[in-house]
Amino acid sequence: MNELKSQRSLTGDDDLALTLMTMWALWTRRPIPGGPVPLLTEQQLIDFWAE
């Protein structure tokens, strides 16, 4: 049987950030900015987290 292998380059901090962003997106109904978490710009993060 062939096993699918995930090609992830996320660190533990990246996983934590994605988890927190997912929780915030569900709570606020805001979409998470597109692209990998480590490559998001400062402005994308500010816009996402701003109240």
N, C-alpha and C. Protein backbone atom coordinates (compact mmCIF):
# COMPACT_ATOMS: atom_id res chain seq x y z
N MET A 1 0.84 -1.17 0.00
CA MET A 1 0.00 0.00 0.00
C MET A 1 0.89 1.23 0.00
N ASN A 2 0.55 2.23 -0.83
CA ASN A 2 1.30 3.48 -0.87
C ASN A 2 0.83 4.41 0.24
N GLU A 3 1.79 5.00 0.91
CA GLU A 3 1.45 5.95 1.95
C GLU A 3 1.67 7.35 1.41
N LEU A 4 0.72 8.23 1.71
CA LEU A 4 0.88 9.63 1.32
C LEU A 4 1.79 10.31 2.33
N LYS A 5 2.75 11.03 1.83
CA LYS A 5 3.67 11.74 2.71
C LYS A 5 3.42 13.23 2.60
N SER A 6 3.26 13.86 3.72
CA SER A 6 3.03 15.30 3.75
C SER A 6 4.36 16.02 3.59
N GLN A 7 4.36 17.03 2.75
CA GLN A 7 5.57 17.84 2.57
C GLN A 7 5.36 19.16 3.28
N ARG A 8 5.51 19.15 4.59
CA ARG A 8 5.29 20.34 5.39
C ARG A 8 6.62 20.90 5.83
N SER A 9 6.72 22.22 5.79
CA SER A 9 7.91 22.86 6.30
C SER A 9 7.56 23.81 7.43
N LEU A 10 6.40 23.59 8.06
CA LEU A 10 5.97 24.45 9.15
C LEU A 10 6.65 24.02 10.45
N THR A 11 7.03 24.99 11.23
CA THR A 11 7.60 24.71 12.55
C THR A 11 6.47 24.63 13.56
N GLY A 12 6.81 24.29 14.78
CA GLY A 12 5.81 24.26 15.85
C GLY A 12 5.17 25.63 16.05
N ASP A 13 5.97 26.70 15.93
CA ASP A 13 5.43 28.05 16.06
C ASP A 13 4.46 28.36 14.93
N ASP A 14 4.77 27.90 13.72
CA ASP A 14 3.87 28.12 12.58
C ASP A 14 2.55 27.38 12.79
N ASP A 15 2.62 26.16 13.31
CA ASP A 15 1.42 25.39 13.59
C ASP A 15 0.57 26.10 14.64
N LEU A 16 1.21 26.63 15.68
CA LEU A 16 0.51 27.36 16.73
C LEU A 16 -0.15 28.61 16.15
N ALA A 17 0.58 29.34 15.32
CA ALA A 17 0.02 30.55 14.70
C ALA A 17 -1.19 30.21 13.85
N LEU A 18 -1.10 29.15 13.08
CA LEU A 18 -2.22 28.75 12.23
C LEU A 18 -3.42 28.34 13.09
N THR A 19 -3.18 27.65 14.18
CA THR A 19 -4.27 27.27 15.08
C THR A 19 -4.96 28.49 15.67
N LEU A 20 -4.16 29.45 16.16
CA LEU A 20 -4.73 30.66 16.74
C LEU A 20 -5.48 31.48 15.69
N MET A 21 -4.92 31.56 14.49
CA MET A 21 -5.57 32.30 13.42
C MET A 21 -6.88 31.63 13.02
N THR A 22 -6.91 30.30 13.01
CA THR A 22 -8.13 29.58 12.68
C THR A 22 -9.21 29.84 13.73
N MET A 23 -8.81 29.82 14.99
CA MET A 23 -9.77 30.09 16.07
C MET A 23 -10.32 31.52 15.95
N TRP A 24 -9.43 32.49 15.67
CA TRP A 24 -9.85 33.88 15.53
C TRP A 24 -10.77 34.04 14.31
N ALA A 25 -10.45 33.36 13.22
CA ALA A 25 -11.28 33.43 12.02
C ALA A 25 -12.68 32.87 12.29
N LEU A 26 -12.75 31.79 13.02
CA LEU A 26 -14.05 31.22 13.36
C LEU A 26 -14.84 32.15 14.28
N TRP A 27 -14.16 32.77 15.22
CA TRP A 27 -14.81 33.66 16.18
C TRP A 27 -15.30 34.94 15.51
N THR A 28 -14.48 35.53 14.63
CA THR A 28 -14.79 36.82 14.02
C THR A 28 -15.41 36.69 12.63
N ARG A 29 -15.39 35.49 12.08
CA ARG A 29 -15.89 35.22 10.72
C ARG A 29 -15.08 35.96 9.66
N ARG A 30 -13.82 36.24 9.97
CA ARG A 30 -12.91 36.85 9.01
C ARG A 30 -12.15 35.76 8.27
N PRO A 31 -11.91 35.96 6.99
CA PRO A 31 -11.10 34.97 6.27
C PRO A 31 -9.63 35.09 6.65
N ILE A 32 -8.96 33.97 6.71
CA ILE A 32 -7.51 33.97 6.96
C ILE A 32 -6.83 34.41 5.66
N PRO A 33 -5.84 35.31 5.76
CA PRO A 33 -5.13 35.73 4.55
C PRO A 33 -4.55 34.52 3.82
N GLY A 34 -4.55 34.58 2.51
CA GLY A 34 -4.04 33.48 1.71
C GLY A 34 -2.53 33.37 1.78
N GLY A 35 -2.05 32.18 1.59
CA GLY A 35 -0.62 31.94 1.59
C GLY A 35 -0.14 31.29 2.86
N PRO A 36 1.08 30.78 2.83
CA PRO A 36 1.65 30.14 4.01
C PRO A 36 1.83 31.15 5.15
N VAL A 37 1.56 30.70 6.36
CA VAL A 37 1.66 31.57 7.54
C VAL A 37 3.01 32.30 7.64
N PRO A 38 4.14 31.61 7.45
CA PRO A 38 5.42 32.31 7.60
C PRO A 38 5.66 33.40 6.56
N LEU A 39 4.91 33.38 5.46
CA LEU A 39 5.13 34.35 4.39
C LEU A 39 4.15 35.51 4.41
N LEU A 40 3.25 35.56 5.40
CA LEU A 40 2.31 36.66 5.47
C LEU A 40 3.05 37.95 5.82
N THR A 41 2.60 39.04 5.21
CA THR A 41 3.24 40.32 5.48
C THR A 41 2.76 40.89 6.81
N GLU A 42 3.50 41.85 7.29
CA GLU A 42 3.12 42.51 8.54
C GLU A 42 1.74 43.15 8.40
N GLN A 43 1.48 43.79 7.26
CA GLN A 43 0.19 44.44 7.05
C GLN A 43 -0.95 43.42 6.98
N GLN A 44 -0.73 42.26 6.37
CA GLN A 44 -1.76 41.23 6.34
C GLN A 44 -2.11 40.77 7.75
N LEU A 45 -1.10 40.61 8.58
CA LEU A 45 -1.34 40.18 9.96
C LEU A 45 -2.06 41.26 10.76
N ILE A 46 -1.66 42.52 10.59
CA ILE A 46 -2.33 43.62 11.29
C ILE A 46 -3.80 43.69 10.89
N ASP A 47 -4.07 43.62 9.59
CA ASP A 47 -5.44 43.68 9.10
C ASP A 47 -6.27 42.51 9.64
N PHE A 48 -5.67 41.34 9.71
CA PHE A 48 -6.40 40.16 10.18
C PHE A 48 -6.75 40.27 11.67
N TRP A 49 -5.80 40.71 12.49
CA TRP A 49 -6.00 40.73 13.93
C TRP A 49 -6.69 41.98 14.45
N ALA A 50 -6.79 43.04 13.63
CA ALA A 50 -7.39 44.30 14.08
C ALA A 50 -8.87 44.10 14.42
N GLU A 51 -9.30 44.75 15.44
CA GLU A 51 -10.72 44.68 15.86
C GLU A 51 -11.55 45.54 14.96
